[in-house]
Amino acid sequence: MTYVVTDNCIACKYTDCVEVCPVDCFYEGENTLVIHPDECIDCGVCEPECPADAIRPDTDADMDKWVEFNRKYAELWPVILSKKDPMPGYEERDGEEGKLEKYFSEASGEGG
């Protein structure tokens, strides 16, 4: 099992999860985070830290696409090691449907 970030993170990008990760397997895009599924040690400490409930185990239904999504962008984006402020407007976008199609950017974040 591994944990992955889903579309609930897009356009919110809370980073509470980053601070508790013992193996630094979070990577930062312009408007979302991903977890490298091959680096995740399945400890689960990140899941309850996410205010948007965007981190899910790959054993949940329909997670295969998110495992591949997370792997793809973790290999392109820089690692993020410390907490940052969420994105402007995160309160309005938290829980919004269709965020992948509406807001996702393939651009890299700053990392750090």
Protein backbone atom coordinates (compact mmCIF):
# COMPACT_ATOMS: atom_id res chain seq x y z
CA MET A 1 0.00 0.00 0.00
CA THR A 2 1.01 3.61 -0.57
CA TYR A 3 -0.65 6.97 -0.07
CA VAL A 4 -1.37 9.40 -2.89
CA VAL A 5 -2.63 12.94 -3.29
CA THR A 6 -5.93 13.37 -5.14
CA ASP A 7 -7.58 16.35 -6.85
CA ASN A 8 -8.86 17.77 -3.56
CA CYS A 9 -5.38 19.28 -3.13
CA ILE A 10 -5.47 21.21 -6.42
CA ALA A 11 -5.85 24.98 -5.97
CA CYS A 12 -5.67 24.62 -2.18
CA LYS A 13 -2.20 23.11 -1.66
CA TYR A 14 -2.16 22.81 2.09
CA THR A 15 1.28 21.64 3.16
CA ASP A 16 0.58 20.41 6.69
CA CYS A 17 1.35 16.89 5.43
CA VAL A 18 4.88 17.79 4.38
CA GLU A 19 6.05 18.52 7.91
CA VAL A 20 5.06 15.11 9.29
CA CYS A 21 6.43 12.96 6.46
CA PRO A 22 9.43 11.00 7.80
CA VAL A 23 10.84 10.22 4.34
CA ASP A 24 10.33 13.51 2.45
CA CYS A 25 8.33 11.96 -0.38
CA PHE A 26 6.17 15.02 -1.19
CA TYR A 27 6.80 16.98 -4.38
CA GLU A 28 5.49 20.43 -5.23
CA GLY A 29 3.73 21.58 -8.33
CA GLU A 30 2.53 25.11 -8.99
CA ASN A 31 -0.89 24.45 -7.44
CA THR A 32 -0.81 20.98 -5.88
CA LEU A 33 1.38 18.40 -4.18
CA VAL A 34 2.04 14.76 -5.01
CA ILE A 35 3.56 11.82 -3.14
CA HIS A 36 6.12 9.62 -4.84
CA PRO A 37 4.47 6.20 -4.46
CA ASP A 38 7.79 4.36 -4.63
CA GLU A 39 9.25 6.45 -1.78
CA CYS A 40 6.20 6.42 0.51
CA ILE A 41 6.69 4.00 3.42
CA ASP A 42 2.95 3.67 4.03
CA CYS A 43 3.14 5.05 7.56
CA GLY A 44 -0.07 7.05 7.11
CA VAL A 45 0.90 10.02 9.28
CA CYS A 46 0.19 12.46 6.44
CA GLU A 47 -3.41 11.41 5.82
CA PRO A 48 -5.00 12.92 8.97
CA GLU A 49 -2.92 16.10 8.60
CA CYS A 50 -4.57 17.12 5.33
CA PRO A 51 -7.38 19.64 5.95
CA ALA A 52 -8.78 18.96 2.46
CA ASP A 53 -8.87 15.16 2.88
CA ALA A 54 -6.82 14.93 -0.32
CA ILE A 55 -4.49 12.12 0.78
CA ARG A 56 -5.88 8.64 0.29
CA PRO A 57 -4.49 5.10 0.44
CA ASP A 58 -4.09 3.39 -2.91
CA THR A 59 -6.39 0.64 -1.64
CA ASP A 60 -9.41 2.97 -1.98
CA ALA A 61 -11.55 2.47 -5.10
CA ASP A 62 -10.33 4.01 -8.37
CA MET A 63 -6.90 5.01 -7.06
CA ASP A 64 -4.83 3.53 -9.91
CA LYS A 65 -5.04 6.76 -11.93
CA TRP A 66 -3.91 8.76 -8.89
CA VAL A 67 -0.96 6.46 -8.23
CA GLU A 68 0.24 7.06 -11.80
CA PHE A 69 -0.53 10.78 -11.59
CA ASN A 70 1.51 11.08 -8.37
CA ARG A 71 4.40 9.03 -9.81
CA LYS A 72 4.53 11.07 -13.01
CA TYR A 73 4.70 14.47 -11.32
CA ALA A 74 6.91 13.37 -8.43
CA GLU A 75 9.53 12.57 -11.04
CA LEU A 76 9.20 16.05 -12.58
CA TRP A 77 8.72 18.38 -9.62
CA PRO A 78 11.04 19.37 -6.74
CA VAL A 79 10.77 17.87 -3.28
CA ILE A 80 9.07 20.04 -0.66
CA LEU A 81 10.33 19.77 2.90
CA SER A 82 8.64 22.54 4.86
CA LYS A 83 5.17 23.94 5.39
CA LYS A 84 4.02 26.91 3.31
CA ASP A 85 0.84 28.94 3.28
CA PRO A 86 -2.05 27.48 1.26
CA MET A 87 -2.93 29.07 -2.06
CA PRO A 88 -4.98 32.27 -2.21
CA GLY A 89 -8.67 31.40 -2.43
CA TYR A 90 -8.18 27.97 -0.87
CA GLU A 91 -11.22 28.42 1.38
CA GLU A 92 -13.57 28.69 -1.62
CA ARG A 93 -11.96 25.80 -3.53
CA ASP A 94 -11.70 23.30 -0.67
CA GLY A 95 -14.01 20.41 -1.61
CA GLU A 96 -14.92 21.79 -5.04
CA GLU A 97 -15.69 19.17 -7.70
CA GLY A 98 -13.77 18.87 -10.99
CA LYS A 99 -10.60 20.62 -9.83
CA LEU A 100 -8.30 18.51 -12.02
CA GLU A 101 -10.02 19.70 -15.19
CA LYS A 102 -10.55 23.28 -14.01
CA TYR A 103 -7.30 24.24 -12.28
CA PHE A 104 -4.48 21.70 -12.58
CA SER A 105 -1.14 23.07 -13.77
CA GLU A 106 1.76 20.85 -14.85
CA ALA A 107 4.19 23.63 -13.90
CA SER A 108 6.66 22.97 -11.16
CA GLY A 109 6.50 24.55 -7.75
CA GLU A 110 9.45 26.08 -5.91
CA GLY A 111 10.16 23.09 -3.66
CA GLY A 112 12.19 23.59 -0.53
